[in-house]
Protein backbone atom coordinates (compact mmCIF):
# COMPACT_ATOMS: atom_id res chain seq x y z
CA LEU A 1 0.37 0.31 0.17
CA ASP A 2 0.83 3.19 -1.13
CA LEU A 3 0.34 6.38 1.15
CA THR A 4 0.59 9.64 -0.49
CA CYS A 5 1.74 12.97 1.61
CA PHE A 6 1.67 16.71 0.97
CA THR A 7 4.39 18.23 1.34
CA THR A 8 6.49 21.76 0.56
CA ARG A 9 8.96 21.06 2.28
CA LEU A 10 10.84 18.40 0.78
CA ASP A 11 14.40 18.92 2.01
CA THR A 12 12.95 18.08 5.11
CA LEU A 13 12.23 14.42 4.09
CA CYS A 14 15.24 12.58 6.00
CA GLY A 15 13.37 14.61 9.45
CA VAL A 16 10.52 12.34 8.78
CA VAL A 17 9.85 10.32 11.89
CA ALA A 18 6.30 9.87 11.91
CA LEU A 19 3.34 9.19 9.26
CA VAL A 20 -0.07 11.16 10.85
CA ILE A 21 -3.59 10.36 8.93
CA ALA A 22 -7.10 11.35 9.46
CA PRO A 23 -9.67 9.69 11.94
CA ASP A 24 -12.31 10.06 9.70
CA SER A 25 -10.87 8.73 7.21
CA GLU A 26 -11.00 5.20 5.49
CA LEU A 27 -7.78 5.05 5.46
CA CYS A 28 -7.56 5.16 8.88
CA ASP A 29 -9.80 2.16 9.54
CA LEU A 30 -7.42 -0.12 6.71
CA LEU A 31 -3.67 0.72 8.48
CA THR A 32 -5.77 0.49 12.32
CA THR A 33 -4.47 -2.96 13.85
CA LYS A 34 -6.73 -5.62 15.74
CA GLU A 35 -4.70 -4.66 18.75
CA ASN A 36 -5.27 -0.82 18.17
CA GLU A 37 -9.19 -0.82 17.26
CA GLU A 38 -10.84 -0.43 20.09
CA ALA A 39 -8.80 2.42 20.81
CA VAL A 40 -8.82 4.27 17.54
CA LYS A 41 -12.06 4.08 17.28
CA ALA A 42 -12.77 5.75 20.26
CA TYR A 43 -10.53 7.97 19.50
CA GLN A 44 -12.71 9.00 16.23
CA GLN A 45 -15.72 9.15 18.09
CA GLU A 46 -13.86 11.94 20.08
CA THR A 47 -13.15 13.82 16.76
CA LEU A 48 -16.49 14.30 15.63
CA SER A 49 -17.74 16.35 18.43
CA LEU A 50 -15.11 18.87 16.72
CA SER A 51 -15.60 21.54 13.54
CA ASP A 52 -12.77 21.30 11.11
CA ILE A 53 -12.02 24.71 12.31
CA ASP A 54 -10.97 23.18 16.13
CA ARG A 55 -9.18 20.22 14.71
CA SER A 56 -6.61 22.79 12.52
CA SER A 57 -6.64 25.31 15.67
CA THR A 58 -2.81 25.81 16.61
CA THR A 59 -4.19 26.81 19.78
CA ARG A 60 -5.51 23.95 21.01
CA GLU A 61 -3.85 20.74 22.62
CA LYS A 62 -2.75 18.36 20.68
CA THR A 63 -3.58 14.50 20.67
CA GLY A 64 -3.58 11.81 18.94
CA ILE A 65 -3.08 7.93 18.74
CA PHE A 66 -1.05 5.62 17.19
CA THR A 67 -3.09 2.86 14.89
CA GLY A 68 -0.44 -0.04 14.89
CA SER A 69 1.20 0.53 11.20
CA TYR A 70 4.10 1.18 9.82
CA ALA A 71 5.22 2.93 6.63
CA VAL A 72 8.56 3.42 5.63
CA ASN A 73 10.65 6.76 3.99
CA PRO A 74 11.20 6.19 0.49
CA VAL A 75 14.81 7.97 1.04
CA THR A 76 16.26 6.99 4.48
CA ASN A 77 14.17 3.24 3.97
CA GLU A 78 13.42 3.62 7.53
CA LYS A 79 10.68 2.46 9.76
CA ILE A 80 7.57 5.20 11.01
CA PRO A 81 4.97 4.70 13.06
CA VAL A 82 0.76 5.49 11.43
CA TRP A 83 -0.78 7.82 14.43
CA THR A 84 -4.17 9.23 13.18
CA ALA A 85 -4.58 12.82 15.00
CA ASN A 86 -7.49 15.18 15.22
CA TYR A 87 -5.30 17.71 12.62
CA VAL A 88 -5.54 16.15 9.81
CA ILE A 89 -8.21 16.84 7.70
CA SER A 90 -9.51 14.25 5.47
CA GLY A 91 -10.66 16.96 2.91
CA TYR A 92 -8.14 18.56 2.60
CA GLY A 93 -4.51 17.15 0.68
CA THR A 94 -4.07 13.32 1.41
CA GLY A 95 -5.09 13.36 4.97
CA CYS A 96 -2.07 11.72 5.24
CA VAL A 97 0.49 14.37 7.01
CA MET A 98 4.12 13.92 7.64
CA VAL A 99 5.93 14.80 10.95
CA VAL A 100 9.33 16.31 11.11
CA PRO A 101 9.08 17.93 14.71
CA GLY A 102 12.74 19.24 13.80
CA HIS A 103 11.74 21.77 11.62
CA ASP A 104 7.70 22.25 12.49
CA GLU A 105 6.35 23.72 15.56
CA ARG A 106 3.10 21.80 15.59
CA ASP A 107 4.76 19.03 14.86
CA TYR A 108 7.70 20.02 17.18
CA GLU A 109 4.66 19.31 19.66
CA PHE A 110 3.27 16.44 18.64
CA CYS A 111 6.63 14.81 19.07
CA LYS A 112 7.13 16.58 22.84
CA THR A 113 3.71 15.06 24.27
CA PHE A 114 3.96 11.82 22.69
CA ASP A 115 7.26 11.30 23.54
CA LEU A 116 8.50 10.67 19.36
CA PRO A 117 12.28 11.57 18.42
CA ILE A 118 12.71 14.60 17.09
CA VAL A 119 15.37 14.41 14.59
CA GLN A 120 17.16 18.02 13.00
CA VAL A 121 17.74 17.51 9.13
CA ILE A 122 18.33 21.60 8.38
CA SER A 123 21.23 23.54 9.69
CA ASN A 124 20.57 27.38 10.44
CA PRO A 125 23.81 29.16 8.43
CA ASN A 126 23.96 32.06 9.96
CA GLU A 127 23.56 31.55 14.01
CA GLU A 128 22.64 29.03 16.30
CA THR A 129 19.74 26.16 15.40
CA VAL A 130 16.84 26.60 17.77
CA LEU A 131 14.44 23.15 17.06
CA PRO A 132 11.64 24.04 15.35
CA TYR A 133 13.87 25.54 12.96
CA SER A 134 11.45 26.07 10.06
CA ASP A 135 13.29 28.35 8.10
CA TYR A 136 15.67 27.49 4.52
CA GLY A 137 18.55 26.80 5.24
CA VAL A 138 21.54 24.08 5.15
CA LEU A 139 21.43 19.76 5.80
CA VAL A 140 22.37 18.10 7.71
CA ASN A 141 21.61 14.24 8.51
CA SER A 142 20.25 13.34 5.13
CA GLY A 143 22.80 11.45 3.71
CA LYS A 144 24.09 12.36 0.21
CA TYR A 145 21.76 15.51 0.46
CA SER A 146 23.47 17.04 4.08
CA GLY A 147 25.22 20.75 2.87
CA MET A 148 22.83 20.96 0.29
CA THR A 149 20.78 24.09 0.33
CA SER A 150 17.13 23.71 1.05
CA GLU A 151 16.86 24.81 -1.83
CA GLU A 152 19.14 22.54 -4.03
CA ALA A 153 18.36 19.45 -2.21
CA GLN A 154 14.66 20.27 -2.51
CA THR A 155 15.81 19.85 -7.08
CA GLU A 156 17.89 16.79 -6.70
CA MET A 157 15.34 15.48 -4.12
CA LEU A 158 12.05 15.58 -6.24
CA ASN A 159 14.45 13.98 -9.64
CA ASP A 160 15.66 11.34 -7.26
CA LEU A 161 12.11 10.25 -6.50
CA ALA A 162 10.32 11.85 -9.59
CA SER A 163 12.74 8.63 -11.21
CA ASN A 164 11.37 6.23 -9.24
CA HIS A 165 7.79 7.50 -9.58
CA LEU A 166 8.20 7.97 -5.33
CA ALA A 167 7.26 11.66 -5.72
CA GLU A 168 5.71 14.54 -8.32
CA LYS A 169 5.15 18.31 -8.24
CA HIS A 170 1.41 18.94 -6.97
CA VAL A 171 -0.79 22.26 -6.47
CA ASN A 172 -2.59 22.37 -3.45
CA TYR A 173 -4.91 25.00 -3.11
CA ARG A 174 -5.91 26.25 0.73
CA LEU A 175 -9.37 27.29 -0.22
CA ARG A 176 -12.44 26.71 1.08
CA ASP A 177 -16.44 28.55 0.57
CA TRP A 178 -16.94 31.16 2.86
CA LEU A 179 -21.00 31.34 3.50
CA VAL A 180 -21.02 34.42 4.69
CA SER A 181 -25.40 34.94 5.70
CA ARG A 182 -26.49 34.90 9.12
CA GLN A 183 -30.20 35.15 10.25
CA ARG A 184 -30.24 37.68 12.73
CA TYR A 185 -30.54 41.32 13.03
CA TRP A 186 -27.20 43.25 13.37
CA GLY A 187 -24.99 43.24 10.81
CA THR A 188 -25.19 44.56 6.98
CA PRO A 189 -28.59 43.65 4.70
CA ILE A 190 -27.13 41.45 2.12
CA PRO A 191 -27.90 43.37 -0.78
CA MET A 192 -30.03 40.67 -3.11
CA ILE A 193 -33.53 40.72 -3.96
CA TYR A 194 -35.14 37.85 -5.76
CA CYS A 195 -38.02 38.10 -8.52
CA ASP A 196 -40.28 35.48 -9.40
CA LYS A 197 -39.78 36.85 -13.02
CA CYS A 198 -35.56 37.81 -12.55
CA GLY A 199 -34.47 35.67 -10.41
CA GLU A 200 -32.08 37.10 -8.66
CA VAL A 201 -30.91 40.41 -9.22
CA PRO A 202 -28.48 43.06 -7.06
CA VAL A 203 -29.70 46.47 -5.57
CA PRO A 204 -28.71 48.73 -7.79
CA GLU A 205 -25.62 51.13 -6.83
CA GLU A 206 -27.31 54.10 -6.07
CA ASP A 207 -29.47 52.59 -3.88
CA LEU A 208 -27.04 51.21 -1.81
CA PRO A 209 -26.24 50.93 0.94
CA VAL A 210 -29.71 49.11 2.02
CA GLU A 211 -30.24 50.04 5.69
CA LEU A 212 -31.63 48.09 8.33
CA PRO A 213 -35.17 49.20 9.68
CA PHE A 214 -35.43 49.76 13.45
CA ASP A 215 -39.23 48.64 14.39
CA VAL A 216 -38.24 44.96 14.37
CA ASP A 217 -39.89 42.32 16.51
CA PHE A 218 -37.20 40.00 17.78
CA THR A 219 -39.54 38.05 19.58
CA PRO A 220 -37.50 34.44 19.45
CA ASP A 221 -39.21 31.96 16.76
CA GLY A 222 -36.43 29.93 14.79
CA LYS A 223 -36.22 33.27 12.13
CA SER A 224 -34.47 35.63 10.88
CA PRO A 225 -35.82 39.47 12.54
CA LEU A 226 -36.25 40.75 9.23
CA LEU A 227 -37.94 38.41 8.22
CA LYS A 228 -40.64 39.38 9.68
CA HIS A 229 -40.83 42.73 8.83
CA GLU A 230 -42.89 43.02 5.65
CA GLY A 231 -42.16 47.00 4.56
CA PHE A 232 -38.30 45.40 4.81
CA MET A 233 -38.91 42.23 3.00
CA ASN A 234 -41.28 44.04 0.18
CA THR A 235 -39.66 45.83 -2.15
CA THR A 236 -39.48 46.00 -6.36
CA CYS A 237 -37.33 43.92 -9.22
CA PRO A 238 -34.88 46.99 -10.23
CA HIS A 239 -35.48 45.28 -13.65
CA CYS A 240 -38.47 44.32 -14.55
CA GLY A 241 -39.96 47.15 -11.96
CA GLY A 242 -42.48 43.60 -10.77
CA PRO A 243 -43.22 42.79 -6.67
CA ALA A 244 -40.26 41.14 -5.68
CA ARG A 245 -38.89 40.45 -1.77
CA ARG A 246 -35.38 41.19 0.06
CA ASP A 247 -33.29 38.77 1.28
CA PRO A 248 -33.77 38.69 5.00
CA ASP A 249 -30.41 37.43 6.11
CA THR A 250 -27.57 39.55 6.99
CA LEU A 251 -23.37 39.49 6.15
CA ASP A 252 -21.22 37.60 8.46
CA THR A 253 -19.85 40.75 10.17
CA PHE A 254 -16.48 39.55 9.34
CA VAL A 255 -17.29 40.92 5.79
CA CYS A 256 -17.69 44.28 7.48
CA SER A 257 -14.29 44.30 10.02
CA SER A 258 -12.38 42.24 7.21
CA TRP A 259 -12.18 45.65 5.51
CA TYR A 260 -12.63 48.96 8.08
CA GLN A 261 -9.24 49.52 7.43
CA PHE A 262 -9.97 51.01 3.92
CA ARG A 263 -13.10 53.01 5.74
CA TYR A 264 -10.89 54.72 9.00
CA VAL A 265 -9.50 56.60 5.47
CA ASP A 266 -12.25 57.56 4.26
CA ASN A 267 -15.02 57.64 6.92
CA HIS A 268 -17.25 60.50 5.96
CA ASN A 269 -17.79 59.02 2.66
CA ASP A 270 -21.09 59.08 2.01
CA LYS A 271 -20.87 57.98 -1.64
CA GLU A 272 -18.96 54.78 -1.86
CA MET A 273 -17.17 52.97 -0.09
CA PHE A 274 -13.84 54.86 -0.08
CA ASP A 275 -11.67 56.62 -2.32
CA SER A 276 -9.78 54.62 -3.97
CA ASP A 277 -6.99 57.11 -4.30
CA LYS A 278 -6.73 57.93 -0.31
CA VAL A 279 -6.39 54.53 0.77
CA ASN A 280 -4.00 53.43 -2.17
CA GLN A 281 -1.90 56.10 -0.51
CA MET A 282 -2.26 55.41 3.19
CA CYS A 283 -2.84 51.93 2.57
CA PRO A 284 -1.69 49.17 2.96
CA VAL A 285 -1.47 48.83 7.22
CA ASP A 286 1.62 48.66 8.27
CA HIS A 287 1.95 46.25 11.11
CA TYR A 288 -1.19 44.34 12.57
CA ILE A 289 -1.22 44.00 16.34
CA GLY A 290 -3.63 41.57 17.39
CA GLY A 291 -4.22 37.65 19.21
CA ALA A 292 -3.50 34.48 17.13
CA GLU A 293 -7.31 33.76 17.79
CA HIS A 294 -7.75 36.49 14.72
CA ALA A 295 -5.11 34.54 12.33
CA ALA A 296 -7.63 31.60 10.50
CA MET A 297 -10.58 34.36 10.46
CA HIS A 298 -10.45 37.46 10.37
CA LEU A 299 -6.87 37.95 9.23
CA LEU A 300 -7.49 35.49 6.59
CA TYR A 301 -11.36 36.97 5.52
CA SER A 302 -9.18 40.86 4.74
CA ARG A 303 -7.03 39.14 2.66
CA PHE A 304 -9.94 37.54 0.82
CA ILE A 305 -11.77 41.10 0.27
CA THR A 306 -8.65 42.82 -0.51
CA LYS A 307 -7.94 40.64 -3.19
CA ALA A 308 -11.64 40.77 -4.80
CA LEU A 309 -11.30 45.10 -4.56
CA ARG A 310 -7.94 44.58 -6.20
CA ASP A 311 -9.34 42.50 -8.77
CA MET A 312 -12.60 45.29 -8.74
CA GLY A 313 -9.89 48.41 -9.66
CA MET A 314 -10.11 49.42 -6.17
CA LEU A 315 -7.00 48.53 -4.94
CA ASP A 316 -3.30 49.48 -5.95
CA PHE A 317 -2.38 46.06 -3.51
CA ASP A 318 -3.64 42.75 -2.83
CA GLU A 319 -2.34 42.33 1.23
CA PRO A 320 -4.04 44.17 3.83
CA PHE A 321 -1.25 43.75 5.90
CA GLN A 322 2.63 44.67 5.57
CA ALA A 323 3.32 42.82 8.53
CA LEU A 324 1.49 41.25 11.79
CA THR A 325 2.50 40.59 15.70
CA HIS A 326 0.71 38.29 18.04
CA GLN A 327 0.71 39.80 21.47
CA GLY A 328 1.10 37.69 24.62
CA THR A 329 -1.11 37.23 27.61
CA ILE A 330 0.72 38.32 31.26
CA LEU A 331 -0.58 36.10 33.80
CA GLY A 332 -1.07 36.45 37.06
CA GLN A 333 1.63 35.20 40.18
CA ASP A 334 0.66 32.26 40.24
CA GLY A 335 1.41 31.71 36.51
CA ILE A 336 -2.63 31.30 35.49
CA LYS A 337 -4.18 33.49 32.98
CA MET A 338 -5.65 36.35 35.54
CA SER A 339 -9.46 36.02 36.47
CA LYS A 340 -11.95 37.67 38.59
CA SER A 341 -13.05 34.43 40.00
CA LEU A 342 -9.51 33.55 40.47
CA GLY A 343 -8.73 36.64 42.47
CA ASN A 344 -5.11 36.56 40.49
CA THR A 345 -6.00 39.80 38.18
CA ILE A 346 -3.87 42.31 39.15
CA SER A 347 -4.80 46.40 38.99
CA PRO A 348 -2.48 48.73 37.33
CA ASP A 349 -3.70 51.35 39.28
CA LYS A 350 -2.09 50.07 42.49
CA TYR A 351 1.32 50.19 41.13
CA ILE A 352 0.97 53.43 38.78
CA ASP A 353 0.66 55.44 42.17
CA LYS A 354 2.90 53.65 44.02
CA TYR A 355 6.11 53.50 41.58
CA GLY A 356 4.59 55.98 38.75
CA SER A 357 3.27 55.43 35.09
CA ASP A 358 7.17 54.91 33.87
CA ALA A 359 7.79 52.60 36.60
CA LEU A 360 5.03 50.20 35.54
CA ARG A 361 5.68 50.95 31.68
CA LEU A 362 8.97 50.30 31.61
CA PHE A 363 8.14 46.85 34.30
CA LEU A 364 5.87 45.83 31.28
CA ALA A 365 7.95 46.05 28.65
CA PHE A 366 10.96 44.67 29.71
CA ALA A 367 9.47 41.89 32.35
CA PHE A 368 8.03 39.69 29.23
CA SER A 369 8.63 39.21 25.83
CA TYR A 370 6.02 40.93 23.79
CA VAL A 371 4.83 37.25 22.26
CA GLU A 372 4.81 35.29 24.70
CA GLY A 373 3.72 37.08 28.40
CA GLY A 374 4.19 35.18 31.10
CA PRO A 375 3.59 35.38 35.01
CA TRP A 376 3.49 38.82 36.85
CA ASN A 377 6.44 39.48 39.29
CA ASP A 378 6.48 42.00 42.33
CA ASP A 379 9.70 41.57 42.39
CA THR A 380 10.58 43.02 38.77
CA VAL A 381 8.27 46.35 39.55
CA ILE A 382 10.77 46.86 42.24
CA ALA A 383 14.23 45.96 40.22
CA ILE A 384 12.95 48.58 37.45
CA THR A 385 12.39 51.55 40.23
CA LYS A 386 16.21 50.70 41.45
CA TYR A 387 17.28 50.90 37.73
CA MET A 388 15.57 54.06 37.22
CA ALA A 389 16.95 55.87 40.93
CA ARG A 390 20.59 54.33 39.32
CA ILE A 391 19.45 57.09 36.18
CA GLN A 392 18.16 59.40 37.46
CA ARG A 393 21.49 59.72 39.91
CA LEU A 394 23.74 59.05 37.00
CA VAL A 395 22.46 62.53 36.01
CA GLU A 396 22.17 64.40 38.58
CA ASP A 397 26.06 63.37 39.52
CA THR A 398 26.93 64.55 35.72
CA VAL A 399 25.12 67.86 36.50
CA LYS A 400 26.65 68.31 39.49
CA ALA A 401 30.44 67.59 37.95
CA ILE A 402 29.42 69.61 34.76
CA ASN A 403 27.83 72.87 36.98
CA GLN A 404 31.24 72.75 39.22
CA LYS A 405 33.67 73.17 36.40
CA ASP A 406 31.71 75.81 35.09
CA SER A 407 27.98 77.19 35.74
CA ASN A 408 27.81 78.40 32.15
CA LEU A 409 28.70 74.56 30.54
CA LEU A 410 25.41 72.52 30.83
CA THR A 411 23.43 75.21 28.76
CA LYS A 412 26.37 75.22 26.45
CA TRP A 413 26.49 72.40 25.31
CA ALA A 414 23.03 71.51 25.36
CA ASN A 415 22.29 74.22 22.89
CA ASP A 416 24.94 73.64 20.76
CA SER A 417 23.62 71.44 17.97
CA LYS A 418 27.00 70.48 16.37
CA PHE A 419 27.93 69.30 20.33
CA ASP A 420 29.97 66.00 18.96
CA PRO A 421 33.37 65.58 21.47
CA TRP A 422 33.76 62.11 19.88
CA SER A 423 35.31 63.48 17.33
CA THR A 424 36.79 66.23 18.60
CA ILE A 425 38.81 64.10 21.71
CA GLN A 426 41.82 62.39 21.73
CA LEU A 427 39.77 59.25 23.06
CA ASP A 428 42.16 56.24 24.96
CA GLU A 429 40.77 52.57 25.87
CA ALA A 430 38.06 53.61 28.12
CA ASP A 431 36.29 55.97 25.67
CA GLN A 432 36.92 53.87 22.68
CA GLU A 433 35.14 51.04 25.01
CA LEU A 434 32.34 53.32 26.46
CA ASN A 435 31.90 54.28 22.24
CA ARG A 436 31.62 50.82 21.42
CA SER A 437 29.04 49.94 24.21
CA LYS A 438 27.03 53.26 22.94
CA HIS A 439 27.47 52.18 19.25
CA TYR A 440 26.10 48.21 20.48
CA ALA A 441 23.42 49.69 22.91
CA ILE A 442 22.29 52.48 19.75
CA LYS A 443 21.92 48.99 16.87
CA GLU A 444 20.77 46.53 18.79
CA VAL A 445 18.07 48.59 20.82
CA THR A 446 16.57 50.30 17.10
CA ILE A 447 16.73 47.20 15.99
CA ASP A 448 14.67 44.95 18.61
CA ALA A 449 12.77 47.61 19.20
CA ASN A 450 11.41 47.80 15.43
CA LYS A 451 10.86 43.80 16.16
CA PHE A 452 8.34 43.78 19.20
CA GLN A 453 11.34 43.24 21.46
CA PHE A 454 11.07 45.64 23.95
CA ASN A 455 12.87 43.19 26.67
CA THR A 456 16.06 43.07 25.20
CA SER A 457 15.95 46.52 24.21
CA ILE A 458 15.70 47.67 28.12
CA ALA A 459 18.65 44.77 28.67
CA ARG A 460 20.52 46.63 26.25
CA LEU A 461 20.05 49.83 27.83
CA MET A 462 20.90 48.42 31.27
CA GLU A 463 23.68 46.80 30.02
CA LEU A 464 25.23 50.56 28.93
CA LEU A 465 23.68 52.10 31.95
CA ASN A 466 26.85 49.31 34.06
CA THR A 467 29.74 50.36 31.22
CA LEU A 468 28.31 53.98 31.55
CA GLN A 469 28.59 54.05 35.46
CA ASN A 470 32.42 52.41 35.71
CA TYR A 471 33.22 54.40 33.21
CA ALA A 472 32.50 57.64 35.21
CA LYS A 473 34.35 56.07 37.94
CA ASN A 474 37.36 55.98 36.44
CA LYS A 475 39.91 59.29 37.39
CA ASN A 476 40.27 59.86 33.56
CA ALA A 477 36.56 60.13 32.33
CA LYS A 478 35.86 63.05 30.89
CA LEU A 479 33.01 64.42 31.03
CA GLU A 480 32.26 65.58 27.67
CA LEU A 481 31.52 62.06 26.74
CA ILE A 482 29.54 61.14 29.77
CA TYR A 483 27.10 64.16 28.83
CA GLN A 484 26.85 63.36 25.26
CA THR A 485 26.02 59.55 25.94
CA LEU A 486 23.65 60.25 28.63
CA CYS A 487 22.19 62.09 25.87
CA ASP A 488 21.64 59.41 23.70
CA TYR A 489 20.85 57.39 26.83
CA LEU A 490 17.89 59.23 27.13
CA ARG A 491 16.90 59.42 23.28
CA LEU A 492 16.99 55.51 22.98
CA LEU A 493 15.27 55.14 26.56
CA ALA A 494 12.13 58.06 26.02
CA PRO A 495 9.88 55.50 23.85
CA PHE A 496 9.42 52.96 26.97
CA ALA A 497 9.21 55.46 29.92
CA PRO A 498 8.46 59.14 28.05
CA HIS A 499 8.17 61.23 31.65
CA PHE A 500 10.79 60.19 33.05
CA THR A 501 13.38 60.58 30.29
CA ASP A 502 11.50 64.11 29.25
CA GLU A 503 12.40 65.14 33.19
CA LEU A 504 16.16 64.04 33.08
CA TRP A 505 16.39 65.71 29.41
CA GLU A 506 15.30 69.04 30.63
CA MET A 507 17.82 68.28 33.95
CA LEU A 508 20.86 67.93 31.82
CA GLY A 509 19.76 72.09 29.93
CA HIS A 510 17.05 71.23 27.16
CA GLU A 511 14.91 73.44 28.37
CA ASN A 512 11.69 74.12 27.73
CA THR A 513 11.60 71.59 24.91
CA SER A 514 11.43 68.09 24.56
CA VAL A 515 12.79 64.41 23.72
CA PHE A 516 10.59 63.64 21.82
CA LEU A 517 11.72 66.81 19.68
CA GLU A 518 15.10 65.30 19.37
CA LYS A 519 16.44 62.82 15.92
CA TRP A 520 16.73 58.70 16.99
CA PRO A 521 20.32 58.14 17.63
CA GLN A 522 21.62 56.72 14.70
CA PHE A 523 25.15 53.83 15.20
CA ASP A 524 28.20 53.59 13.26
CA GLU A 525 29.64 50.40 12.07
CA ASP A 526 33.58 51.61 12.88
CA ALA A 527 32.54 52.28 16.43
CA LEU A 528 31.79 48.81 16.81
CA LYS A 529 34.85 46.84 14.98
CA GLN A 530 36.83 44.92 17.82
CA ASP A 531 40.84 43.69 16.90
CA LEU A 532 39.43 40.32 18.15
CA ILE A 533 35.41 39.28 18.16
CA GLU A 534 34.73 35.96 19.34
CA ILE A 535 32.04 34.18 17.48
CA ALA A 536 31.03 30.31 17.90
CA VAL A 537 31.12 27.07 15.61
CA GLN A 538 27.97 24.54 14.66
CA VAL A 539 28.97 21.36 13.58
CA ASN A 540 25.25 20.00 11.47
CA GLY A 541 23.42 22.22 13.44
CA LYS A 542 24.60 22.16 16.66
CA VAL A 543 27.25 24.52 18.84
CA LYS A 544 29.93 22.73 19.74
CA GLY A 545 32.40 25.83 20.79
CA ARG A 546 33.94 29.37 19.71
CA ILE A 547 37.19 30.76 18.40
CA ASP A 548 38.48 34.85 17.77
CA ILE A 549 39.12 35.82 15.04
CA PRO A 550 39.93 39.19 13.62
CA HIS A 551 37.12 40.99 12.74
CA ASP A 552 37.76 41.75 9.42
CA ALA A 553 38.47 37.96 8.97
CA ASN A 554 37.46 36.19 5.26
CA GLN A 555 36.30 32.40 4.39
CA LYS A 556 40.00 31.25 4.23
CA SER A 557 41.15 32.50 7.10
CA VAL A 558 38.36 31.55 9.39
CA GLU A 559 39.00 28.14 7.99
CA GLU A 560 42.62 28.47 8.46
CA ILE A 561 41.66 29.18 12.28
CA LEU A 562 39.61 26.18 12.42
CA TYR A 563 41.71 23.66 11.57
CA LYS A 564 44.34 24.98 13.71
CA GLU A 565 41.36 24.98 16.67
CA ALA A 566 42.75 22.28 19.11
CA ASP A 567 39.58 20.64 19.87
CA PHE A 568 38.17 20.61 15.80
CA SER A 569 38.64 16.97 15.59
CA ASP A 570 36.55 16.32 18.65
CA TRP A 571 33.99 18.53 17.74
CA ILE A 572 33.32 17.03 13.89
CA GLN A 573 34.31 13.57 15.64
CA GLU A 574 36.15 11.93 12.73
CA LYS A 575 34.10 12.96 9.95
CA THR A 576 34.24 13.81 6.38
CA VAL A 577 33.68 18.16 6.33
CA VAL A 578 30.73 18.67 3.43
CA LYS A 579 31.74 22.24 3.27
CA ILE A 580 32.60 24.97 5.99
CA ILE A 581 29.86 28.36 6.01
CA TYR A 582 31.35 31.52 7.86
CA VAL A 583 28.72 34.70 7.76
CA PRO A 584 31.58 36.95 8.82
CA GLY A 585 31.37 38.66 12.10
CA ARG A 586 28.66 36.19 13.33
CA ILE A 587 29.04 32.38 13.30
CA VAL A 588 30.89 29.51 11.12
CA ASN A 589 28.92 26.09 10.50
CA VAL A 590 30.33 23.15 9.44
CA VAL A 591 28.54 20.20 7.42
CA VAL A 592 30.15 17.18 8.28
CA LYS A 593 28.66 13.54 7.08
């Protein structure tokens, strides 16, 4: 018996540890052994109560059961178990899915749940590989395909398998019909008219929008409220002028929420949905922030509507949102989702009254990954207030030292738009280290904040504060450099603690102005360079050690350093080196077999 799977990632074929089939498929009945029949049938009954949307949910707990049968991987010839799980839908694809835990998040969770092996076959060539790794990369643990890029391996594997009639290219469409009618009052009336003579006739554009009547009988009798409103239902046919009936249903509210962002741009327009020129100028949306629960419905429907409007010539783009970020959930101190019934809710007002709004804001940004959330911790709130106090003390001490030197100096530096001591002072080693730390912080905060990684942004600022405080203790420390670094520091901190930084900004001599009128600091790559840098060495995707290399080292010199490394033979364990990939300044990846 041949089992057919559909995959978009042929390069992961050597990492397949199991097959999963749909519980409601004939294949499941066929492959279930007698020993497992009773348990599988019970699981099938359990699955019948779930909708396809529930079964496909990425947040639902993974369930499944072993059928008792095994399949053979056509590339590795290894025997792998065949399971059945409710996330596989019989009507989609072939109803048979490969399980590749090393490179798919859902498969990873499934295998963790049921203690199935996790095999890595793709390595991230640019940095340390963290499983599950779902991007393309370089193949490892894949026999003759090891060392190939994902793109190369997919081509080679397809050719090899196709020559033995084991694979073929196929386009699989994920689209499904979307039932948009609802038997309820609250919604947009469906603009269709039904005539016995003309059939289904759309409401003419000049008669749009069809508005809901207000005098509606909501007595529950199983019928749509509009169906009972004769004044609304009875109308005339736009084609023949004869008697006709309106559609009693309203549109799913998802239809409206699928294009609300375009209406926001032109919300007073009573002639049309929106002015296309205005929407094309303002949209698509740069960044959408919302919960993962929207991914399978609202966001998908919005794409449908946007593409339809594009085809109608109303939009000159075909995706509604350019980027998407799902926010995490902040849990109670007990690690459980906050709930009044559990008594574990947190009132922000209490913390604002005690520590201030900026302390709370900084805490929220620092204590949690934005996309993952986590449990509330009072100790971290207190730690944040201490961090803010350290910044304030350093600003106060610096201002005091400047005024002791010259009472006019602070105002002079603050009002000099060309003030740049870094280019006019002879820098010693400590100065250069401070400069490097400052530019490193500017670079990392800029990158991480743009990726919504606010916690690591603040961590970089904390590191810079440590460096700056240590530098300030140095008897050769230069006040100009401390002052200028503090100014850049407050610019970086401002989005996270706006009131706090504005007060300190004024303290640094910037009177009658705001830090938010300043430009964002820019980093200098040259200032980040060191004579020697340390990079990680990966062997088949796993970090084995680290080596020191010149900052300007090329591929050849890195290979020479690598082969001279005393531990290199232990790292590769007498295997043959297939390829060495050096990502400048970051990592070296060794592929062996």
